[in-house]
Protein backbone atom coordinates (compact mmCIF):
# COMPACT_ATOMS: atom_id res chain seq x y z
CA MET A 1 -94.96 34.35 66.06
CA SER A 2 -96.28 31.20 64.39
CA ASN A 3 -94.69 28.12 62.90
CA ILE A 4 -96.35 26.75 59.76
CA GLU A 5 -94.69 23.43 58.54
CA GLY A 6 -91.31 24.46 59.62
CA LEU A 7 -91.58 28.10 58.38
CA LYS A 8 -91.07 30.71 61.06
CA ILE A 9 -93.22 33.81 60.59
CA THR A 10 -92.45 36.81 62.64
CA LYS A 11 -94.13 40.21 62.84
CA ALA A 12 -91.87 43.03 61.51
CA ALA A 13 -91.22 45.72 64.09
CA SER A 14 -92.15 48.51 61.61
CA MET A 15 -95.52 46.87 61.00
CA ALA A 16 -96.26 46.37 64.65
CA GLU A 17 -98.42 49.49 65.02
CA PRO A 18 -99.08 52.37 62.65
CA ARG A 19 -97.56 55.71 63.57
CA ILE A 20 -100.33 58.08 64.58
CA PRO A 21 -99.52 61.75 65.09
CA GLU A 22 -99.61 63.01 68.58
CA GLY A 23 -103.06 64.28 69.59
CA TRP A 24 -104.89 61.95 67.18
CA ARG A 25 -105.07 59.07 69.51
CA SER A 26 -108.48 58.20 70.82
CA ASN A 27 -110.02 55.05 72.04
CA ARG A 28 -112.50 53.24 69.87
CA GLU A 29 -115.53 53.98 72.08
CA GLU A 30 -114.80 57.78 71.97
CA HIS A 31 -114.44 57.48 68.22
CA ARG A 32 -117.71 55.73 67.73
CA ARG A 33 -119.52 58.27 69.90
CA GLY A 34 -117.71 61.15 68.28
CA ASP A 35 -116.46 62.45 71.63
CA GLN A 36 -112.82 62.95 70.94
CA ASP A 37 -111.49 66.41 71.68
CA LYS A 38 -109.31 67.67 68.86
CA SER A 39 -109.47 71.33 69.75
CA GLU A 40 -105.83 71.54 70.84
CA MET A 41 -104.62 69.90 67.61
CA LEU A 42 -106.81 72.29 65.56
CA ASP A 43 -105.62 75.34 67.41
CA ALA A 44 -102.02 74.34 66.69
CA GLU A 45 -102.81 73.97 63.02
CA MET A 46 -104.56 77.32 62.87
CA ASN A 47 -101.76 79.27 64.35
CA PRO A 48 -103.17 82.80 64.98
CA ASP A 49 -99.69 84.34 64.95
CA ASP A 50 -99.01 83.75 61.26
CA ASN A 51 -100.89 86.87 60.00
CA ALA A 52 -102.36 85.11 56.99
CA ASP A 53 -104.56 88.08 55.87
CA MET A 54 -105.42 88.41 52.21
CA SER A 55 -104.37 91.34 50.11
CA ASP A 56 -107.11 93.51 48.72
CA ASN A 57 -106.64 92.02 45.25
CA GLU A 58 -107.03 88.45 46.58
CA TYR A 59 -110.05 89.45 48.58
CA GLU A 60 -111.77 91.08 45.52
CA TYR A 61 -110.95 87.97 43.39
CA TRP A 62 -112.49 85.51 45.87
CA ARG A 63 -115.40 87.85 46.57
CA THR A 64 -116.37 87.94 42.90
CA LEU A 65 -116.10 84.17 42.67
CA ALA A 66 -118.30 83.65 45.74
CA THR A 67 -120.99 86.19 44.65
CA GLY A 68 -121.14 84.95 41.07
CA ASP A 69 -119.97 88.17 39.47
CA PRO A 70 -118.19 87.66 36.14
CA VAL A 71 -114.45 87.30 36.54
CA THR A 72 -112.36 89.30 34.11
CA GLN A 73 -109.57 87.20 32.63
CA GLY A 74 -107.47 89.47 30.38
CA ASP A 75 -109.63 91.51 28.10
CA ILE A 76 -112.37 88.88 27.88
CA LYS A 77 -115.23 88.98 30.36
CA TYR A 78 -116.56 85.47 30.73
CA ALA A 79 -120.09 84.50 31.86
CA ASP A 80 -120.29 83.18 35.36
CA ASP A 81 -121.38 79.63 34.58
CA GLY A 82 -118.58 78.38 32.44
CA LYS A 83 -119.90 79.72 29.16
CA LYS A 84 -117.92 82.11 26.92
CA TYR A 85 -120.60 84.55 25.77
CA THR A 86 -123.52 86.27 27.37
CA HIS A 87 -126.41 87.88 25.36
CA THR A 88 -128.83 90.17 27.08
CA TYR A 89 -132.21 91.10 25.43
CA LYS A 90 -135.57 92.47 26.37
CA ASP A 91 -138.35 89.91 26.25
CA PRO A 92 -141.18 91.48 24.12
CA LYS A 93 -143.92 89.47 25.85
CA THR A 94 -143.12 90.32 29.45
CA GLY A 95 -140.81 93.32 29.01
CA ASN A 96 -138.17 91.73 31.33
CA THR A 97 -134.55 91.71 30.52
CA ARG A 98 -133.30 88.20 29.90
CA LYS A 99 -129.75 86.80 29.82
CA VAL A 100 -128.64 83.89 27.66
CA ARG A 101 -125.30 82.27 28.19
CA TYR A 102 -123.75 80.22 25.31
CA GLY A 103 -120.49 79.07 23.80
CA ALA A 104 -117.81 76.88 25.24
CA LYS A 105 -114.82 78.53 26.97
CA GLY A 106 -111.46 77.59 25.51
CA TYR A 107 -112.54 77.19 21.93
CA LYS A 108 -112.01 79.68 19.14
CA ILE A 109 -114.74 80.53 16.60
CA ALA A 110 -113.36 80.43 13.08
CA PRO A 111 -116.06 81.37 10.59
CA GLY A 112 -115.38 80.77 6.90
CA THR A 113 -113.09 77.77 7.48
CA LYS A 114 -113.52 74.01 7.22
CA ARG A 115 -114.22 73.84 10.92
CA GLY A 116 -116.96 76.54 10.43
CA ASP A 117 -118.58 74.61 7.68
CA SER A 118 -118.55 71.49 9.82
CA TYR A 119 -120.12 73.24 12.76
CA CYS A 120 -122.86 74.94 10.60
CA ALA A 121 -123.73 71.60 8.91
CA ARG A 122 -123.98 69.88 12.29
CA SER A 123 -125.93 72.60 13.92
CA LEU A 124 -128.28 72.83 10.96
CA GLY A 125 -129.21 69.21 11.49
CA ASP A 126 -129.78 69.86 15.20
CA MET A 127 -131.88 72.89 14.38
CA LYS A 128 -134.09 70.94 12.01
CA SER A 129 -134.52 68.03 14.44
CA GLU A 130 -135.55 70.47 17.14
CA GLY A 131 -137.87 72.42 14.79
CA MET A 132 -136.16 75.71 15.45
CA ASP A 133 -136.37 78.90 13.39
CA CYS A 134 -133.56 81.37 13.99
CA SER A 135 -135.38 84.13 12.08
CA GLY A 136 -138.37 83.97 14.32
CA PRO A 137 -139.01 83.60 17.98
CA ASP A 138 -136.09 81.22 18.55
CA ARG A 139 -133.50 83.83 17.57
CA ASN A 140 -132.28 84.27 21.20
CA THR A 141 -131.63 80.62 21.91
CA PRO A 142 -128.00 79.48 22.43
CA MET A 143 -127.95 77.53 19.19
CA CYS A 144 -129.15 80.44 17.09
CA LEU A 145 -126.76 82.82 18.79
CA SER A 146 -123.89 80.41 18.25
CA ARG A 147 -124.78 80.04 14.53
CA LYS A 148 -124.81 83.83 14.27
CA LYS A 149 -121.27 83.97 15.75
CA TRP A 150 -120.11 81.29 13.29
CA ARG A 151 -121.86 83.27 10.48
CA CYS A 152 -123.81 80.24 9.26
CA ARG A 153 -125.84 80.53 6.09
CA GLY A 154 -127.52 77.11 5.79
CA ALA A 155 -124.85 74.39 6.12
CA LYS A 156 -121.95 76.77 5.22
CA SER A 157 -119.94 79.29 7.25
CA VAL A 158 -119.20 82.52 5.29
């Protein structure tokens, strides 16, 4: 309690000390050293009697996410890195099979529309600035594959 120019200030009872859950108390020195034993508290949280096993479907879902296998969502099989399409081709120089991922998930391709014309014009400018040729060695790049999906002929979508 203090008295400042006639004002009496008191500490509220609810603000006296924060409520800390049982088992979380430790002294400051233990905390600084990292010596506090929370094993009893963790055992109580991880109750072994609750039988929290996953079903086979849940296990398969999480296994495919962890291993990087593509996850089937409806009839569409998405690429594993957030892209919508995957194109596999054989590299003529090395003979190895290569995989190209392209296209944004969540967007619909609408060739022959105003949106398609806008995409084709924009990507044509990008193509020219990059010096790409979709009829030659660059045909398996994400930009050329996307232009093919949008059915771009120059700056128009047909």
